[in-house]
PDB file of N, CA and C in Angstrom:
ATOM      1  N   UNK A   1       0.627  -1.193   0.107  1.00  0.00           N
ATOM      2  CA  UNK A   1       0.071  -0.144   0.090  1.00  0.00           C
ATOM      3  C   UNK A   1       1.046   1.180   0.016  1.00  0.00           C
ATOM      4  N   UNK A   2       0.483   2.165  -0.660  1.00  0.00           N
ATOM      5  CA  UNK A   2       1.412   3.322  -1.326  1.00  0.00           C
ATOM      6  C   UNK A   2       0.659   4.406   0.000  1.00  0.00           C
ATOM      7  N   UNK A   3       1.471   5.147   0.317  1.00  0.00           N
ATOM      8  CA  UNK A   3       1.313   6.067   1.441  1.00  0.00           C
ATOM      9  C   UNK A   3       1.981   7.822   1.306  1.00  0.00           C
ATOM     10  N   UNK A   4       1.110   8.877   1.220  1.00  0.00           N
ATOM     11  CA  UNK A   4       2.373  10.094   1.265  1.00  0.00           C
ATOM     12  C   UNK A   4       2.157  10.822   2.765  1.00  0.00           C
ATOM     13  N   UNK A   5       3.696  11.497   2.288  1.00  0.00           N
ATOM     14  CA  UNK A   5       4.312  11.805   3.532  1.00  0.00           C
ATOM     15  C   UNK A   5       4.665  13.654   2.957  1.00  0.00           C
ATOM     16  N   UNK A   6       3.731  14.470   3.998  1.00  0.00           N
ATOM     17  CA  UNK A   6       3.582  15.754   3.498  1.00  0.00           C
ATOM     18  C   UNK A   6       5.329  16.364   3.526  1.00  0.00           C
ATOM     19  N   UNK A   7       5.666  17.037   2.252  1.00  0.00           N
ATOM     20  CA  UNK A   7       7.120  17.785   2.833  1.00  0.00           C
ATOM     21  C   UNK A   7       6.984  19.292   3.002  1.00  0.00           C
ATOM     22  N   UNK A   8       5.688  19.852   2.447  1.00  0.00           N
ATOM     23  CA  UNK A   8       5.134  20.904   2.718  1.00  0.00           C
ATOM     24  C   UNK A   8       4.094  21.230   1.673  1.00  0.00           C
ATOM     25  N   UNK A   9       4.004  22.458   1.567  1.00  0.00           N
ATOM     26  CA  UNK A   9       2.716  23.123   0.396  1.00  0.00           C
ATOM     27  C   UNK A   9       2.464  21.952  -0.599  1.00  0.00           C
ATOM     28  N   UNK A  10       1.457  21.204  -1.017  1.00  0.00           N
ATOM     29  CA  UNK A  10       1.509  20.437  -2.144  1.00  0.00           C
ATOM     30  C   UNK A  10       2.693  19.667  -2.808  1.00  0.00           C
ATOM     31  N   UNK A  11       3.268  19.287  -2.001  1.00  0.00           N
ATOM     32  CA  UNK A  11       4.833  18.688  -2.353  1.00  0.00           C
ATOM     33  C   UNK A  11       4.854  17.121  -0.943  1.00  0.00           C
ATOM     34  N   UNK A  12       4.842  16.057  -1.572  1.00  0.00           N
ATOM     35  CA  UNK A  12       4.838  15.050  -0.967  1.00  0.00           C
ATOM     36  C   UNK A  12       5.576  13.660  -1.391  1.00  0.00           C
ATOM     37  N   UNK A  13       6.388  13.016  -0.481  1.00  0.00           N
ATOM     38  CA  UNK A  13       6.968  11.724  -0.597  1.00  0.00           C
ATOM     39  C   UNK A  13       6.168  10.893  -0.765  1.00  0.00           C
ATOM     40  N   UNK A  14       6.395   9.505  -1.511  1.00  0.00           N
ATOM     41  CA  UNK A  14       5.528   8.314  -1.563  1.00  0.00           C
ATOM     42  C   UNK A  14       6.063   7.343  -1.401  1.00  0.00           C
ATOM     43  N   UNK A  15       5.688   6.668  -0.191  1.00  0.00           N
ATOM     44  CA  UNK A  15       6.373   5.746   0.732  1.00  0.00           C
ATOM     45  C   UNK A  15       5.611   4.304   0.265  1.00  0.00           C
ATOM     46  N   UNK A  16       6.423   3.102   0.289  1.00  0.00           N
ATOM     47  CA  UNK A  16       5.650   1.542   0.267  1.00  0.00           C
ATOM     48  C   UNK A  16       6.638   1.018   1.281  1.00  0.00           C
ATOM     49  N   UNK A  17       5.859   0.574   2.577  1.00  0.00           N
ATOM     50  CA  UNK A  17       6.035   0.458   3.339  1.00  0.00           C
ATOM     51  C   UNK A  17       7.512   1.067   4.846  1.00  0.00           C
ATOM     52  N   UNK A  18       6.757   2.054   4.411  1.00  0.00           N
ATOM     53  CA  UNK A  18       7.823   2.784   5.398  1.00  0.00           C
ATOM     54  C   UNK A  18       9.249   3.383   4.537  1.00  0.00           C
ATOM     55  N   UNK A  19       9.181   3.064   2.963  1.00  0.00           N
ATOM     56  CA  UNK A  19      10.681   3.183   2.629  1.00  0.00           C
ATOM     57  C   UNK A  19      10.433   4.381   1.336  1.00  0.00           C
ATOM     58  N   UNK A  20      11.183   5.032   1.199  1.00  0.00           N
ATOM     59  CA  UNK A  20      10.618   6.145   0.330  1.00  0.00           C
ATOM     60  C   UNK A  20      10.907   5.547  -0.898  1.00  0.00           C
ATOM     61  N   UNK A  21      10.052   5.873  -2.140  1.00  0.00           N
ATOM     62  CA  UNK A  21      10.354   5.270  -3.101  1.00  0.00           C
ATOM     63  C   UNK A  21       9.896   6.353  -4.547  1.00  0.00           C
ATOM     64  N   UNK A  22       9.009   7.404  -4.000  1.00  0.00           N
ATOM     65  CA  UNK A  22       8.490   8.472  -5.101  1.00  0.00           C
ATOM     66  C   UNK A  22       8.717  10.178  -4.252  1.00  0.00           C
ATOM     67  N   UNK A  23       8.452  10.972  -5.107  1.00  0.00           N
ATOM     68  CA  UNK A  23       7.390  12.536  -5.194  1.00  0.00           C
ATOM     69  C   UNK A  23       6.346  12.303  -5.576  1.00  0.00           C
ATOM     70  N   UNK A  24       5.475  13.523  -5.402  1.00  0.00           N
ATOM     71  CA  UNK A  24       4.304  13.715  -6.160  1.00  0.00           C
ATOM     72  C   UNK A  24       4.613  15.496  -5.570  1.00  0.00           C
ATOM     73  N   UNK A  25       4.441  16.067  -6.663  1.00  0.00           N
ATOM     74  CA  UNK A  25       4.588  17.852  -6.202  1.00  0.00           C
ATOM     75  C   UNK A  25       3.924  18.978  -6.760  1.00  0.00           C
ATOM     76  N   UNK A  26       3.417  19.533  -6.889  1.00  0.00           N
ATOM     77  CA  UNK A  26       2.619  20.528  -7.588  1.00  0.00           C
ATOM     78  C   UNK A  26       3.734  21.359  -8.123  1.00  0.00           C
ATOM     79  N   UNK A  27       3.660  21.891  -9.198  1.00  0.00           N
ATOM     80  CA  UNK A  27       4.775  22.419 -10.089  1.00  0.00           C
ATOM     81  C   UNK A  27       4.482  23.917 -10.065  1.00  0.00           C
ATOM     82  N   UNK A  28       4.131  25.017  -9.103  1.00  0.00           N
ATOM     83  CA  UNK A  28       3.462  25.651  -9.190  1.00  0.00           C
ATOM     84  C   UNK A  28       4.163  27.192  -9.682  1.00  0.00           C
ATOM     85  N   UNK A  29       5.502  26.786 -10.195  1.00  0.00           N
ATOM     86  CA  UNK A  29       6.039  27.795 -10.756  1.00  0.00           C
ATOM     87  C   UNK A  29       5.993  27.583 -12.412  1.00  0.00           C
ATOM     88  N   UNK A  30       5.061  26.345 -13.160  1.00  0.00           N
ATOM     89  CA  UNK A  30       4.531  26.633 -14.237  1.00  0.00           C
ATOM     90  C   UNK A  30       3.358  27.176 -14.684  1.00  0.00           C
ATOM     91  N   UNK A  31       2.729  27.890 -15.743  1.00  0.00           N
ATOM     92  CA  UNK A  31       1.744  28.335 -16.309  1.00  0.00           C
ATOM     93  C   UNK A  31       1.122  27.538 -17.290  1.00  0.00           C
ATOM     94  N   UNK A  32       0.043  26.614 -17.180  1.00  0.00           N
ATOM     95  CA  UNK A  32      -0.774  26.383 -15.821  1.00  0.00           C
ATOM     96  C   UNK A  32      -0.021  25.553 -15.126  1.00  0.00           C
ATOM     97  N   UNK A  33      -0.335  25.693 -13.642  1.00  0.00           N
ATOM     98  CA  UNK A  33       0.480  24.971 -12.806  1.00  0.00           C
ATOM     99  C   UNK A  33      -0.399  23.174 -12.964  1.00  0.00           C
ATOM    100  N   UNK A  34       0.805  22.373 -12.754  1.00  0.00           N
ATOM    101  CA  UNK A  34       0.606  20.915 -12.864  1.00  0.00           C
ATOM    102  C   UNK A  34       1.344  20.118 -11.979  1.00  0.00           C
ATOM    103  N   UNK A  35       0.626  18.811 -11.958  1.00  0.00           N
ATOM    104  CA  UNK A  35       1.300  17.887 -10.787  1.00  0.00           C
ATOM    105  C   UNK A  35       2.390  16.936 -11.629  1.00  0.00           C
ATOM    106  N   UNK A  36       3.655  16.602 -10.841  1.00  0.00           N
ATOM    107  CA  UNK A  36       4.706  16.302 -11.595  1.00  0.00           C
ATOM    108  C   UNK A  36       5.034  15.179 -10.352  1.00  0.00           C
ATOM    109  N   UNK A  37       4.975  13.664 -10.584  1.00  0.00           N
ATOM    110  CA  UNK A  37       5.240  12.578 -10.310  1.00  0.00           C
ATOM    111  C   UNK A  37       6.372  12.008 -10.800  1.00  0.00           C
ATOM    112  N   UNK A  38       7.295  11.247  -9.734  1.00  0.00           N
ATOM    113  CA  UNK A  38       8.351  10.533 -10.191  1.00  0.00           C
ATOM    114  C   UNK A  38       8.708  10.040  -9.117  1.00  0.00           C
ATOM    115  N   UNK A  39       9.495   8.125  -9.891  1.00  0.00           N
ATOM    116  CA  UNK A  39       9.943   7.141  -8.708  1.00  0.00           C
ATOM    117  C   UNK A  39      11.563   7.637  -8.838  1.00  0.00           C
ATOM    118  N   UNK A  40      12.136   7.826  -7.222  1.00  0.00           N
ATOM    119  CA  UNK A  40      13.354   8.104  -6.993  1.00  0.00           C
ATOM    120  C   UNK A  40      14.216   7.081  -6.559  1.00  0.00           C
ATOM    121  N   UNK A  41      14.051   5.788  -6.588  1.00  0.00           N
ATOM    122  CA  UNK A  41      14.824   4.764  -6.405  1.00  0.00           C
ATOM    123  C   UNK A  41      15.831   4.251  -7.708  1.00  0.00           C
ATOM    124  N   UNK A  42      17.135   3.990  -7.299  1.00  0.00           N
ATOM    125  CA  UNK A  42      18.054   4.340  -8.502  1.00  0.00           C
ATOM    126  C   UNK A  42      17.824   2.714  -9.387  1.00  0.00           C
ATOM    127  N   UNK A  43      17.419   2.702 -10.328  1.00  0.00           N
ATOM    128  CA  UNK A  43      17.215   1.628 -11.503  1.00  0.00           C
ATOM    129  C   UNK A  43      17.781   1.796 -12.662  1.00  0.00           C
ATOM    130  N   UNK A  44      18.521   0.668 -13.821  1.00  0.00           N
ATOM    131  CA  UNK A  44      18.760   0.564 -14.924  1.00  0.00           C
ATOM    132  C   UNK A  44      17.586   0.842 -15.748  1.00  0.00           C
ATOM    133  N   UNK A  45      17.669   1.779 -16.753  1.00  0.00           N
ATOM    134  CA  UNK A  45      16.940   1.647 -17.713  1.00  0.00           C
ATOM    135  C   UNK A  45      15.626   2.749 -17.822  1.00  0.00           C
ATOM    136  N   UNK A  46      16.257   3.724 -16.638  1.00  0.00           N
ATOM    137  CA  UNK A  46      15.180   4.684 -16.753  1.00  0.00           C
ATOM    138  C   UNK A  46      13.688   4.287 -15.898  1.00  0.00           C
ATOM    139  N   UNK A  47      13.845   5.646 -15.311  1.00  0.00           N
ATOM    140  CA  UNK A  47      12.702   5.511 -13.788  1.00  0.00           C
ATOM    141  C   UNK A  47      11.394   5.927 -14.437  1.00  0.00           C
ATOM    142  N   UNK A  48      10.139   5.670 -13.925  1.00  0.00           N
ATOM    143  CA  UNK A  48       8.905   6.104 -14.407  1.00  0.00           C
ATOM    144  C   UNK A  48       8.807   8.137 -13.687  1.00  0.00           C
ATOM    145  N   UNK A  49       8.485   8.842 -14.702  1.00  0.00           N
ATOM    146  CA  UNK A  49       7.888  10.236 -14.201  1.00  0.00           C
ATOM    147  C   UNK A  49       7.268  10.178 -15.055  1.00  0.00           C
ATOM    148  N   UNK A  50       6.415  11.737 -14.850  1.00  0.00           N
ATOM    149  CA  UNK A  50       5.380  12.076 -15.719  1.00  0.00           C
ATOM    150  C   UNK A  50       4.256  12.989 -15.181  1.00  0.00           C
ATOM    151  N   UNK A  51       3.512  14.337 -15.620  1.00  0.00           N
ATOM    152  CA  UNK A  51       2.854  14.946 -15.286  1.00  0.00           C
ATOM    153  C   UNK A  51       1.263  15.034 -15.299  1.00  0.00           C
ATOM    154  N   UNK A  52       0.537  15.582 -14.731  1.00  0.00           N
ATOM    155  CA  UNK A  52      -0.871  15.427 -14.545  1.00  0.00           C
ATOM    156  C   UNK A  52      -1.430  16.640 -14.222  1.00  0.00           C
ATOM    157  N   UNK A  53      -2.776  16.864 -14.731  1.00  0.00           N
ATOM    158  CA  UNK A  53      -3.214  17.856 -14.504  1.00  0.00           C
ATOM    159  C   UNK A  53      -3.713  18.212 -13.008  1.00  0.00           C
ATOM    160  N   UNK A  54      -4.463  17.038 -12.444  1.00  0.00           N
ATOM    161  CA  UNK A  54      -4.273  17.071 -10.643  1.00  0.00           C
ATOM    162  C   UNK A  54      -3.925  16.270 -10.214  1.00  0.00           C
ATOM    163  N   UNK A  55      -4.190  16.156  -8.879  1.00  0.00           N
ATOM    164  CA  UNK A  55      -3.710  15.427  -7.506  1.00  0.00           C
ATOM    165  C   UNK A  55      -4.324  14.281  -7.822  1.00  0.00           C
ATOM    166  N   UNK A  56      -5.217  13.917  -7.505  1.00  0.00           N
ATOM    167  CA  UNK A  56      -5.578  11.991  -7.959  1.00  0.00           C
ATOM    168  C   UNK A  56      -5.149  11.742  -9.108  1.00  0.00           C
ATOM    169  N   UNK A  57      -5.230  12.451 -10.581  1.00  0.00           N
ATOM    170  CA  UNK A  57      -4.512  11.721 -11.391  1.00  0.00           C
ATOM    171  C   UNK A  57      -3.367  11.341 -11.274  1.00  0.00           C
ATOM    172  N   UNK A  58      -2.147  12.477 -10.377  1.00  0.00           N
ATOM    173  CA  UNK A  58      -1.042  11.784 -10.135  1.00  0.00           C
ATOM    174  C   UNK A  58      -0.684  10.757  -9.496  1.00  0.00           C
ATOM    175  N   UNK A  59      -1.787  10.564  -8.310  1.00  0.00           N
ATOM    176  CA  UNK A  59      -1.486   9.720  -7.732  1.00  0.00           C
ATOM    177  C   UNK A  59      -1.542   8.063  -8.081  1.00  0.00           C
ATOM    178  N   UNK A  60      -2.641   8.248  -8.741  1.00  0.00           N
ATOM    179  CA  UNK A  60      -3.064   6.972  -9.643  1.00  0.00           C
ATOM    180  C   UNK A  60      -1.698   6.751 -10.698  1.00  0.00           C
ATOM    181  N   UNK A  61      -1.668   7.906 -11.439  1.00  0.00           N
ATOM    182  CA  UNK A  61      -0.491   7.653 -12.911  1.00  0.00           C
ATOM    183  C   UNK A  61       0.729   7.036 -11.876  1.00  0.00           C
ATOM    184  N   UNK A  62       1.069   7.642 -10.932  1.00  0.00           N
ATOM    185  CA  UNK A  62       2.483   6.891  -9.964  1.00  0.00           C
ATOM    186  C   UNK A  62       1.795   5.535  -9.399  1.00  0.00           C
ATOM    187  N   UNK A  63       1.168   5.311  -9.066  1.00  0.00           N
ATOM    188  CA  UNK A  63       0.712   3.910  -8.654  1.00  0.00           C
ATOM    189  C   UNK A  63       0.718   2.449  -9.673  1.00  0.00           C
ATOM    190  N   UNK A  64       0.180   3.363 -10.563  1.00  0.00           N
ATOM    191  CA  UNK A  64       0.267   2.295 -12.186  1.00  0.00           C
ATOM    192  C   UNK A  64       1.851   2.187 -12.831  1.00  0.00           C
ATOM    193  N   UNK A  65       2.437   3.450 -12.566  1.00  0.00           N
ATOM    194  CA  UNK A  65       3.983   3.346 -13.291  1.00  0.00           C
ATOM    195  C   UNK A  65       5.048   2.467 -12.005  1.00  0.00           C
ATOM    196  N   UNK A  66       4.647   2.426 -10.681  1.00  0.00           N
ATOM    197  CA  UNK A  66       5.459   1.479  -9.506  1.00  0.00           C
ATOM    198  C   UNK A  66       4.746   0.486  -9.679  1.00  0.00           C
ATOM    199  N   UNK A  67       3.633  -0.175 -10.080  1.00  0.00           N
ATOM    200  CA  UNK A  67       3.465  -1.758 -10.040  1.00  0.00           C
ATOM    201  C   UNK A  67       3.999  -2.302 -10.850  1.00  0.00           C
ATOM    202  N   UNK A  68       4.193  -1.524 -12.162  1.00  0.00           N
ATOM    203  CA  UNK A  68       4.640  -1.829 -13.913  1.00  0.00           C
ATOM    204  C   UNK A  68       5.873  -2.372 -13.336  1.00  0.00           C
ATOM    205  N   UNK A  69       6.767  -1.075 -12.984  1.00  0.00           N
ATOM    206  CA  UNK A  69       8.327  -1.178 -12.429  1.00  0.00           C
ATOM    207  C   UNK A  69       8.558  -2.339 -11.658  1.00  0.00           C
ATOM    208  N   UNK A  70       7.497  -2.356 -10.658  1.00  0.00           N
ATOM    209  CA  UNK A  70       7.693  -3.647  -9.764  1.00  0.00           C
ATOM    210  C   UNK A  70       7.966  -4.961 -10.244  1.00  0.00           C
ATOM    211  N   UNK A  71       6.569  -4.918 -11.484  1.00  0.00           N
ATOM    212  CA  UNK A  71       6.711  -6.515 -12.158  1.00  0.00           C
ATOM    213  C   UNK A  71       7.470  -6.677 -12.830  1.00  0.00           C
ATOM    214  N   UNK A  72       8.173  -5.642 -13.466  1.00  0.00           N
ATOM    215  CA  UNK A  72       9.338  -5.746 -14.757  1.00  0.00           C
ATOM    216  C   UNK A  72      10.555  -6.107 -14.093  1.00  0.00           C
ATOM    217  N   UNK A  73      11.058  -5.645 -12.981  1.00  0.00           N
ATOM    218  CA  UNK A  73      12.153  -5.880 -12.064  1.00  0.00           C
ATOM    219  C   UNK A  73      12.509  -7.077 -11.551  1.00  0.00           C
ATOM    220  N   UNK A  74      13.595  -7.447 -12.021  1.00  0.00           N
ATOM    221  CA  UNK A  74      13.824  -8.978 -10.597  1.00  0.00           C
ATOM    222  C   UNK A  74      13.897  -8.517  -9.562  1.00  0.00           C
ATOM    223  N   UNK A  75      13.193  -9.295  -8.438  1.00  0.00           N
ATOM    224  CA  UNK A  75      13.094  -9.298  -7.204  1.00  0.00           C
ATOM    225  C   UNK A  75      14.218  -8.773  -6.239  1.00  0.00           C
ATOM    226  N   UNK A  76      15.323  -9.480  -6.676  1.00  0.00           N
ATOM    227  CA  UNK A  76      16.912  -8.939  -6.468  1.00  0.00           C
ATOM    228  C   UNK A  76      17.314  -7.561  -6.410  1.00  0.00           C
ATOM    229  N   UNK A  77      17.097  -7.502  -7.681  1.00  0.00           N
ATOM    230  CA  UNK A  77      17.848  -6.020  -8.312  1.00  0.00           C
ATOM    231  C   UNK A  77      16.772  -4.888  -7.307  1.00  0.00           C
ATOM    232  N   UNK A  78      15.444  -4.982  -7.541  1.00  0.00           N
ATOM    233  CA  UNK A  78      14.333  -4.189  -6.815  1.00  0.00           C
ATOM    234  C   UNK A  78      14.776  -4.089  -5.168  1.00  0.00           C
ATOM    235  N   UNK A  79      15.110  -5.378  -4.257  1.00  0.00           N
ATOM    236  CA  UNK A  79      15.600  -5.552  -3.125  1.00  0.00           C
ATOM    237  C   UNK A  79      16.745  -4.323  -2.809  1.00  0.00           C
ATOM    238  N   UNK A  80      17.715  -4.757  -3.788  1.00  0.00           N
ATOM    239  CA  UNK A  80      19.421  -3.912  -3.523  1.00  0.00           C
ATOM    240  C   UNK A  80      18.953  -2.449  -3.824  1.00  0.00           C
ATOM    241  N   UNK A  81      18.062  -2.151  -5.023  1.00  0.00           N
ATOM    242  CA  UNK A  81      17.916  -0.560  -4.982  1.00  0.00           C
ATOM    243  C   UNK A  81      16.809   0.131  -3.947  1.00  0.00           C
ATOM    244  N   UNK A  82      16.133  -0.649  -3.505  1.00  0.00           N
ATOM    245  CA  UNK A  82      15.397   0.336  -2.099  1.00  0.00           C
ATOM    246  C   UNK A  82      16.389   0.072  -0.978  1.00  0.00           C
ATOM    247  N   UNK A  83      17.182  -1.183  -0.271  1.00  0.00           N
ATOM    248  CA  UNK A  83      17.964  -0.869   0.093  1.00  0.00           C
ATOM    249  C   UNK A  83      19.264   0.340  -0.093  1.00  0.00           C
ATOM    250  N   UNK A  84      19.931   0.544  -1.444  1.00  0.00           N
ATOM    251  CA  UNK A  84      20.498   1.611  -1.861  1.00  0.00           C
ATOM    252  C   UNK A  84      19.839   3.068  -1.556  1.00  0.00           C
ATOM    253  N   UNK A  85      18.343   2.817  -1.389  1.00  0.00           N
ATOM    254  CA  UNK A  85      17.825   4.277  -1.352  1.00  0.00           C
ATOM    255  C   UNK A  85      17.513   4.366   0.253  1.00  0.00           C
ATOM    256  N   UNK A  86      17.585   3.596   1.470  1.00  0.00           N
ATOM    257  CA  UNK A  86      17.388   3.858   2.842  1.00  0.00           C
ATOM    258  C   UNK A  86      18.911   4.897   3.107  1.00  0.00           C
ATOM    259  N   UNK A  87      18.549   5.575   4.023  1.00  0.00           N
ATOM    260  CA  UNK A  87      19.596   6.697   4.655  1.00  0.00           C
ATOM    261  C   UNK A  87      20.435   5.471   5.033  1.00  0.00           C
ATOM    262  N   UNK A  88      21.979   5.805   4.996  1.00  0.00           N
ATOM    263  CA  UNK A  88      22.617   4.930   5.680  1.00  0.00           C
ATOM    264  C   UNK A  88      22.538   4.521   7.146  1.00  0.00           C
ATOM    265  N   UNK A  89      22.373   5.280   8.030  1.00  0.00           N
ATOM    266  CA  UNK A  89      22.061   4.674   9.315  1.00  0.00           C
ATOM    267  C   UNK A  89      20.810   3.594   9.402  1.00  0.00           C
ATOM    268  N   UNK A  90      19.959   3.523   8.559  1.00  0.00           N
ATOM    269  CA  UNK A  90      19.125   2.628   8.724  1.00  0.00           C
ATOM    270  C   UNK A  90      19.506   1.316   7.576  1.00  0.00           C
ATOM    271  N   UNK A  91      20.753   1.220   6.832  1.00  0.00           N
ATOM    272  CA  UNK A  91      21.016  -0.162   5.869  1.00  0.00           C
ATOM    273  C   UNK A  91      21.532  -0.964   6.721  1.00  0.00           C
ATOM    274  N   UNK A  92      21.457  -2.306   6.238  1.00  0.00           N
ATOM    275  CA  UNK A  92      22.152  -3.385   6.654  1.00  0.00           C
ATOM    276  C   UNK A  92      23.302  -3.501   6.358  1.00  0.00           C
ATOM    277  N   UNK A  93      23.771  -4.009   7.744  1.00  0.00           N
ATOM    278  CA  UNK A  93      25.632  -3.738   7.793  1.00  0.00           C
ATOM    279  C   UNK A  93      26.088  -4.886   6.479  1.00  0.00           C
ATOM    280  N   UNK A  94      26.982  -4.448   6.265  1.00  0.00           N
ATOM    281  CA  UNK A  94      27.704  -5.402   5.090  1.00  0.00           C
ATOM    282  C   UNK A  94      28.631  -5.690   5.127  1.00  0.00           C
ATOM    283  N   UNK A  95      29.455  -5.127   5.828  1.00  0.00           N
ATOM    284  CA  UNK A  95      31.176  -4.955   6.542  1.00  0.00           C
ATOM    285  C   UNK A  95      31.282  -3.964   7.452  1.00  0.00           C
ATOM    286  N   UNK A  96      32.585  -4.109   8.591  1.00  0.00           N
ATOM    287  CA  UNK A  96      32.882  -3.329   9.189  1.00  0.00           C
ATOM    288  C   UNK A  96      33.422  -2.380   8.269  1.00  0.00           C
ATOM    289  N   UNK A  97      33.242  -0.971   9.303  1.00  0.00           N
ATOM    290  CA  UNK A  97      33.776   0.457   8.637  1.00  0.00           C
ATOM    291  C   UNK A  97      34.581   0.986   9.712  1.00  0.00           C
ATOM    292  N   UNK A  98      36.071   0.882   9.255  1.00  0.00           N
ATOM    293  CA  UNK A  98      37.566   1.067   9.551  1.00  0.00           C
ATOM    294  C   UNK A  98      37.666   2.610   9.401  1.00  0.00           C
ATOM    295  N   UNK A  99      38.497   3.400  10.634  1.00  0.00           N
ATOM    296  CA  UNK A  99      38.600   4.773  10.004  1.00  0.00           C
ATOM    297  C   UNK A  99      40.003   4.445  10.243  1.00  0.00           C
ATOM    298  N   UNK A 100      40.516   5.778   9.626  1.00  0.00           N
ATOM    299  CA  UNK A 100      41.400   6.365   9.768  1.00  0.00           C
ATOM    300  C   UNK A 100      42.026   7.485   9.620  1.00  0.00           C
ATOM    301  N   UNK A 101      43.352   7.924  10.706  1.00  0.00           N
ATOM    302  CA  UNK A 101      43.521   9.190  10.533  1.00  0.00           C
ATOM    303  C   UNK A 101      44.933   9.469  10.004  1.00  0.00           C
ATOM    304  N   UNK A 102      44.554  10.526   9.104  1.00  0.00           N
ATOM    305  CA  UNK A 102      46.713  10.587   8.579  1.00  0.00           C
ATOM    306  C   UNK A 102      46.452  12.501   7.967  1.00  0.00           C
ATOM    307  N   UNK A 103      47.634  12.261   7.358  1.00  0.00           N
ATOM    308  CA  UNK A 103      47.557  13.880   6.630  1.00  0.00           C
ATOM    309  C   UNK A 103      46.772  14.068   5.141  1.00  0.00           C
ATOM    310  N   UNK A 104      46.011  15.171   5.271  1.00  0.00           N
ATOM    311  CA  UNK A 104      45.999  15.399   3.693  1.00  0.00           C
ATOM    312  C   UNK A 104      47.046  16.672   2.783  1.00  0.00           C
ATOM    313  N   UNK A 105      46.434  16.935   2.071  1.00  0.00           N
ATOM    314  CA  UNK A 105      47.268  17.694   1.316  1.00  0.00           C
ATOM    315  C   UNK A 105      47.642  19.186   2.131  1.00  0.00           C
ATOM    316  N   UNK A 106      48.691  19.699   1.647  1.00  0.00           N
ATOM    317  CA  UNK A 106      49.330  21.191   2.720  1.00  0.00           C
ATOM    318  C   UNK A 106      49.206  20.511   4.527  1.00  0.00           C
ATOM    319  N   UNK A 107      49.332  19.279   4.478  1.00  0.00           N
ATOM    320  CA  UNK A 107      49.353  19.148   5.908  1.00  0.00           C
ATOM    321  C   UNK A 107      48.360  19.316   6.807  1.00  0.00           C
ATOM    322  N   UNK A 108      46.930  19.339   6.224  1.00  0.00           N
ATOM    323  CA  UNK A 108      45.674  19.126   6.938  1.00  0.00           C
ATOM    324  C   UNK A 108      45.128  17.750   7.008  1.00  0.00           C
ATOM    325  N   UNK A 109      44.910  17.474   8.409  1.00  0.00           N
ATOM    326  CA  UNK A 109      44.157  16.301   9.145  1.00  0.00           C
ATOM    327  C   UNK A 109      42.732  15.488   8.374  1.00  0.00           C
ATOM    328  N   UNK A 110      42.664  14.818   8.426  1.00  0.00           N
ATOM    329  CA  UNK A 110      41.557  14.046   7.458  1.00  0.00           C
ATOM    330  C   UNK A 110      41.172  12.939   8.247  1.00  0.00           C
ATOM    331  N   UNK A 111      40.083  12.353   8.063  1.00  0.00           N
ATOM    332  CA  UNK A 111      39.419  11.312   8.300  1.00  0.00           C
ATOM    333  C   UNK A 111      38.758  10.438   6.921  1.00  0.00           C
ATOM    334  N   UNK A 112      38.972   9.336   6.856  1.00  0.00           N
ATOM    335  CA  UNK A 112      38.575   8.547   5.776  1.00  0.00           C
ATOM    336  C   UNK A 112      37.905   7.543   6.239  1.00  0.00           C
ATOM    337  N   UNK A 113      37.508   6.703   5.334  1.00  0.00           N
ATOM    338  CA  UNK A 113      36.833   5.422   5.619  1.00  0.00           C
ATOM    339  C   UNK A 113      36.686   4.215   4.732  1.00  0.00           C
ATOM    340  N   UNK A 114      36.790   2.762   4.979  1.00  0.00           N
ATOM    341  CA  UNK A 114      36.628   2.170   3.676  1.00  0.00           C
ATOM    342  C   UNK A 114      35.909   0.829   4.382  1.00  0.00           C
ATOM    343  N   UNK A 115      35.535   0.045   3.290  1.00  0.00           N
ATOM    344  CA  UNK A 115      34.637  -1.325   3.548  1.00  0.00           C
ATOM    345  C   UNK A 115      35.889  -2.385   3.732  1.00  0.00           C
ATOM    346  N   UNK A 116      35.899  -3.200   4.516  1.00  0.00           N
ATOM    347  CA  UNK A 116      37.168  -4.533   4.546  1.00  0.00           C
ATOM    348  C   UNK A 116      36.205  -5.645   4.148  1.00  0.00           C
TER     349      UNK A 116
END
């Protein structure tokens, strides 16, 4: 089930199971204004996006495009894209992160990290 979370006036994140998958917003800077919608997870082959004359049509078109994308995307690829779209703090750990402290260019201290 898709849910909307308000980001501001006429601007919404689209969520599926608490995961952000897209956005629907009113393009009020355009004349006449219209609703823009797009899927925001990264998958090869281009992501669905479109424009609609009204809010309800934008929601319906987004849902249809999302369901079509899920149907044609292998489950493993979709799961990986959804995991990559999560904030870093919420991702499943894949390997430990090792922190190093060293000297950068011009003698400045820096912190870097790498996965091992």
